């Protein structure tokens, strides 16, 4: 992840999903990591996909629902990130912490959008 996150939320969620994919390439290949990585890849991509769907919402209610789903997927990504085994590589642990920070920020941004939508 770069020091400056993109301001456009569609782009920012895309960059998050890309960073997750880059991160998981270097993880130890254990049975649990293989299964957890599948879940993480799905949820991290769903954050942006659902936010993009929200941009095409048919109503305010639909918009709010799609943003809620995006937030749910971001929270799920936090869960899977926490479960992954990074082995003995400190650089992987640092990457995980960066991803957790970014994901936490996405959750807060999406929550603020939800709170402002009536």
C-alpha atoms as a PDB file:
ATOM      1  CA  UNK A   1       0.000   0.000   0.000  1.00  0.00           C
ATOM      2  CA  UNK A   2       1.260   3.461  -0.744  1.00  0.00           C
ATOM      3  CA  UNK A   3       1.596   6.190   1.838  1.00  0.00           C
ATOM      4  CA  UNK A   4      -1.141   8.214   0.165  1.00  0.00           C
ATOM      5  CA  UNK A   5      -4.383   6.341  -0.338  1.00  0.00           C
ATOM      6  CA  UNK A   6      -6.438   7.229  -3.415  1.00  0.00           C
ATOM      7  CA  UNK A   7      -9.183   9.752  -2.677  1.00  0.00           C
ATOM      8  CA  UNK A   8     -11.699   8.081  -4.988  1.00  0.00           C
ATOM      9  CA  UNK A   9     -13.298   5.281  -2.976  1.00  0.00           C
ATOM     10  CA  UNK A  10     -13.800   3.054  -6.032  1.00  0.00           C
ATOM     11  CA  UNK A  11     -10.085   3.282  -6.778  1.00  0.00           C
ATOM     12  CA  UNK A  12      -9.138   2.913  -3.133  1.00  0.00           C
ATOM     13  CA  UNK A  13     -11.138  -0.298  -2.743  1.00  0.00           C
ATOM     14  CA  UNK A  14      -9.608  -1.590  -5.982  1.00  0.00           C
ATOM     15  CA  UNK A  15      -6.098  -0.873  -4.697  1.00  0.00           C
ATOM     16  CA  UNK A  16      -6.958  -2.642  -1.437  1.00  0.00           C
ATOM     17  CA  UNK A  17      -8.080  -5.778  -3.308  1.00  0.00           C
ATOM     18  CA  UNK A  18      -4.908  -5.678  -5.426  1.00  0.00           C
ATOM     19  CA  UNK A  19      -2.705  -5.291  -2.342  1.00  0.00           C
ATOM     20  CA  UNK A  20      -4.414  -8.279  -0.705  1.00  0.00           C
ATOM     21  CA  UNK A  21      -3.695 -10.397  -3.785  1.00  0.00           C
ATOM     22  CA  UNK A  22      -0.052  -9.324  -3.736  1.00  0.00           C
ATOM     23  CA  UNK A  23       0.205 -10.104  -0.011  1.00  0.00           C
ATOM     24  CA  UNK A  24      -1.252 -13.616  -0.212  1.00  0.00           C
ATOM     25  CA  UNK A  25       1.196 -14.685  -2.929  1.00  0.00           C
ATOM     26  CA  UNK A  26       3.999 -14.768  -0.354  1.00  0.00           C
ATOM     27  CA  UNK A  27       2.220 -16.486   2.539  1.00  0.00           C
ATOM     28  CA  UNK A  28       3.259 -19.957   3.723  1.00  0.00           C
ATOM     29  CA  UNK A  29       1.259 -22.683   1.959  1.00  0.00           C
ATOM     30  CA  UNK A  30      -0.503 -24.362   4.862  1.00  0.00           C
ATOM     31  CA  UNK A  31      -3.898 -26.031   4.737  1.00  0.00           C
ATOM     32  CA  UNK A  32      -5.484 -23.334   6.864  1.00  0.00           C
ATOM     33  CA  UNK A  33      -3.844 -20.482   4.917  1.00  0.00           C
ATOM     34  CA  UNK A  34      -5.027 -21.928   1.607  1.00  0.00           C
ATOM     35  CA  UNK A  35      -8.643 -21.947   2.796  1.00  0.00           C
ATOM     36  CA  UNK A  36      -8.431 -18.589   4.590  1.00  0.00           C
ATOM     37  CA  UNK A  37      -6.769 -16.948   1.566  1.00  0.00           C
ATOM     38  CA  UNK A  38      -9.709 -17.993  -0.622  1.00  0.00           C
ATOM     39  CA  UNK A  39     -12.098 -16.276   1.771  1.00  0.00           C
ATOM     40  CA  UNK A  40      -9.918 -13.167   2.058  1.00  0.00           C
ATOM     41  CA  UNK A  41      -9.570 -12.789  -1.710  1.00  0.00           C
ATOM     42  CA  UNK A  42     -13.340 -13.032  -2.120  1.00  0.00           C
ATOM     43  CA  UNK A  43     -14.211 -10.588   0.659  1.00  0.00           C
ATOM     44  CA  UNK A  44     -11.535  -8.038  -0.261  1.00  0.00           C
ATOM     45  CA  UNK A  45     -12.759  -7.919  -3.856  1.00  0.00           C
ATOM     46  CA  UNK A  46     -16.375  -7.711  -2.734  1.00  0.00           C
ATOM     47  CA  UNK A  47     -15.741  -4.473  -0.852  1.00  0.00           C
ATOM     48  CA  UNK A  48     -15.113  -2.591  -4.076  1.00  0.00           C
ATOM     49  CA  UNK A  49     -17.585  -4.561  -6.167  1.00  0.00           C
ATOM     50  CA  UNK A  50     -20.422  -3.712  -3.804  1.00  0.00           C
ATOM     51  CA  UNK A  51     -19.396  -0.077  -3.572  1.00  0.00           C
ATOM     52  CA  UNK A  52     -19.422   0.126  -7.375  1.00  0.00           C
ATOM     53  CA  UNK A  53     -22.909  -1.418  -7.341  1.00  0.00           C
ATOM     54  CA  UNK A  54     -23.955   1.249  -4.836  1.00  0.00           C
ATOM     55  CA  UNK A  55     -22.948   3.911  -7.360  1.00  0.00           C
ATOM     56  CA  UNK A  56     -25.524   2.444  -9.751  1.00  0.00           C
ATOM     57  CA  UNK A  57     -28.247   2.083  -7.102  1.00  0.00           C
ATOM     58  CA  UNK A  58     -31.862   2.509  -8.138  1.00  0.00           C
ATOM     59  CA  UNK A  59     -32.862   4.245  -4.905  1.00  0.00           C
ATOM     60  CA  UNK A  60     -31.388   5.661  -1.712  1.00  0.00           C
ATOM     61  CA  UNK A  61     -32.490   2.520   0.089  1.00  0.00           C
ATOM     62  CA  UNK A  62     -30.666   0.357  -2.484  1.00  0.00           C
ATOM     63  CA  UNK A  63     -27.586   2.605  -2.193  1.00  0.00           C
ATOM     64  CA  UNK A  64     -27.520   2.265   1.584  1.00  0.00           C
ATOM     65  CA  UNK A  65     -27.980  -1.513   1.364  1.00  0.00           C
ATOM     66  CA  UNK A  66     -25.059  -1.901  -1.079  1.00  0.00           C
ATOM     67  CA  UNK A  67     -22.774   0.254   1.073  1.00  0.00           C
ATOM     68  CA  UNK A  68     -23.774  -1.839   4.113  1.00  0.00           C
ATOM     69  CA  UNK A  69     -22.788  -4.982   2.205  1.00  0.00           C
ATOM     70  CA  UNK A  70     -19.457  -3.378   1.251  1.00  0.00           C
ATOM     71  CA  UNK A  71     -18.828  -2.565   4.919  1.00  0.00           C
ATOM     72  CA  UNK A  72     -19.736  -6.123   5.919  1.00  0.00           C
ATOM     73  CA  UNK A  73     -17.217  -7.468   3.402  1.00  0.00           C
ATOM     74  CA  UNK A  74     -14.538  -5.096   4.734  1.00  0.00           C
ATOM     75  CA  UNK A  75     -15.147  -6.333   8.267  1.00  0.00           C
ATOM     76  CA  UNK A  76     -14.966  -9.900   7.030  1.00  0.00           C
ATOM     77  CA  UNK A  77     -11.633  -9.098   5.360  1.00  0.00           C
ATOM     78  CA  UNK A  78     -10.299  -7.959   8.745  1.00  0.00           C
ATOM     79  CA  UNK A  79     -11.299 -11.326  10.203  1.00  0.00           C
ATOM     80  CA  UNK A  80      -9.518 -13.348   7.503  1.00  0.00           C
ATOM     81  CA  UNK A  81      -6.427 -11.123   7.626  1.00  0.00           C
ATOM     82  CA  UNK A  82      -6.149 -11.726  11.360  1.00  0.00           C
ATOM     83  CA  UNK A  83      -6.381 -15.500  10.931  1.00  0.00           C
ATOM     84  CA  UNK A  84      -3.606 -15.861   8.362  1.00  0.00           C
ATOM     85  CA  UNK A  85      -0.273 -17.353   9.373  1.00  0.00           C
ATOM     86  CA  UNK A  86       2.585 -15.145   8.155  1.00  0.00           C
ATOM     87  CA  UNK A  87       5.265 -17.562   9.343  1.00  0.00           C
ATOM     88  CA  UNK A  88       8.527 -16.080  10.507  1.00  0.00           C
ATOM     89  CA  UNK A  89       8.715 -13.277   7.921  1.00  0.00           C
ATOM     90  CA  UNK A  90       8.491  -9.849   9.587  1.00  0.00           C
ATOM     91  CA  UNK A  91       7.878  -8.166   6.213  1.00  0.00           C
ATOM     92  CA  UNK A  92       4.687 -10.214   5.796  1.00  0.00           C
ATOM     93  CA  UNK A  93       3.526  -9.222   9.259  1.00  0.00           C
ATOM     94  CA  UNK A  94       4.173  -5.569   8.382  1.00  0.00           C
ATOM     95  CA  UNK A  95       2.148  -5.965   5.170  1.00  0.00           C
ATOM     96  CA  UNK A  96      -0.680  -7.552   7.135  1.00  0.00           C
ATOM     97  CA  UNK A  97      -0.702  -4.630   9.571  1.00  0.00           C
ATOM     98  CA  UNK A  98      -0.828  -2.151   6.666  1.00  0.00           C
ATOM     99  CA  UNK A  99      -3.763  -4.052   5.149  1.00  0.00           C
ATOM    100  CA  UNK A 100      -5.557  -4.173   8.500  1.00  0.00           C
ATOM    101  CA  UNK A 101      -5.088  -0.417   8.867  1.00  0.00           C
ATOM    102  CA  UNK A 102      -6.416   0.251   5.373  1.00  0.00           C
ATOM    103  CA  UNK A 103      -9.338  -2.087   5.899  1.00  0.00           C
ATOM    104  CA  UNK A 104     -10.188  -0.379   9.181  1.00  0.00           C
ATOM    105  CA  UNK A 105     -10.177   2.972   7.407  1.00  0.00           C
ATOM    106  CA  UNK A 106     -12.471   1.598   4.707  1.00  0.00           C
ATOM    107  CA  UNK A 107     -14.888   0.361   7.375  1.00  0.00           C
ATOM    108  CA  UNK A 108     -14.941   3.829   8.976  1.00  0.00           C
ATOM    109  CA  UNK A 109     -15.461   5.582   5.629  1.00  0.00           C
ATOM    110  CA  UNK A 110     -18.271   3.221   4.646  1.00  0.00           C
ATOM    111  CA  UNK A 111     -19.851   3.631   8.092  1.00  0.00           C
ATOM    112  CA  UNK A 112     -19.792   7.416   7.701  1.00  0.00           C
ATOM    113  CA  UNK A 113     -21.489   7.102   4.299  1.00  0.00           C
ATOM    114  CA  UNK A 114     -24.162   4.848   5.814  1.00  0.00           C
ATOM    115  CA  UNK A 115     -24.750   7.243   8.701  1.00  0.00           C
ATOM    116  CA  UNK A 116     -25.223  10.170   6.311  1.00  0.00           C
ATOM    117  CA  UNK A 117     -27.673   8.275   4.097  1.00  0.00           C
ATOM    118  CA  UNK A 118     -31.317   8.478   5.135  1.00  0.00           C
END
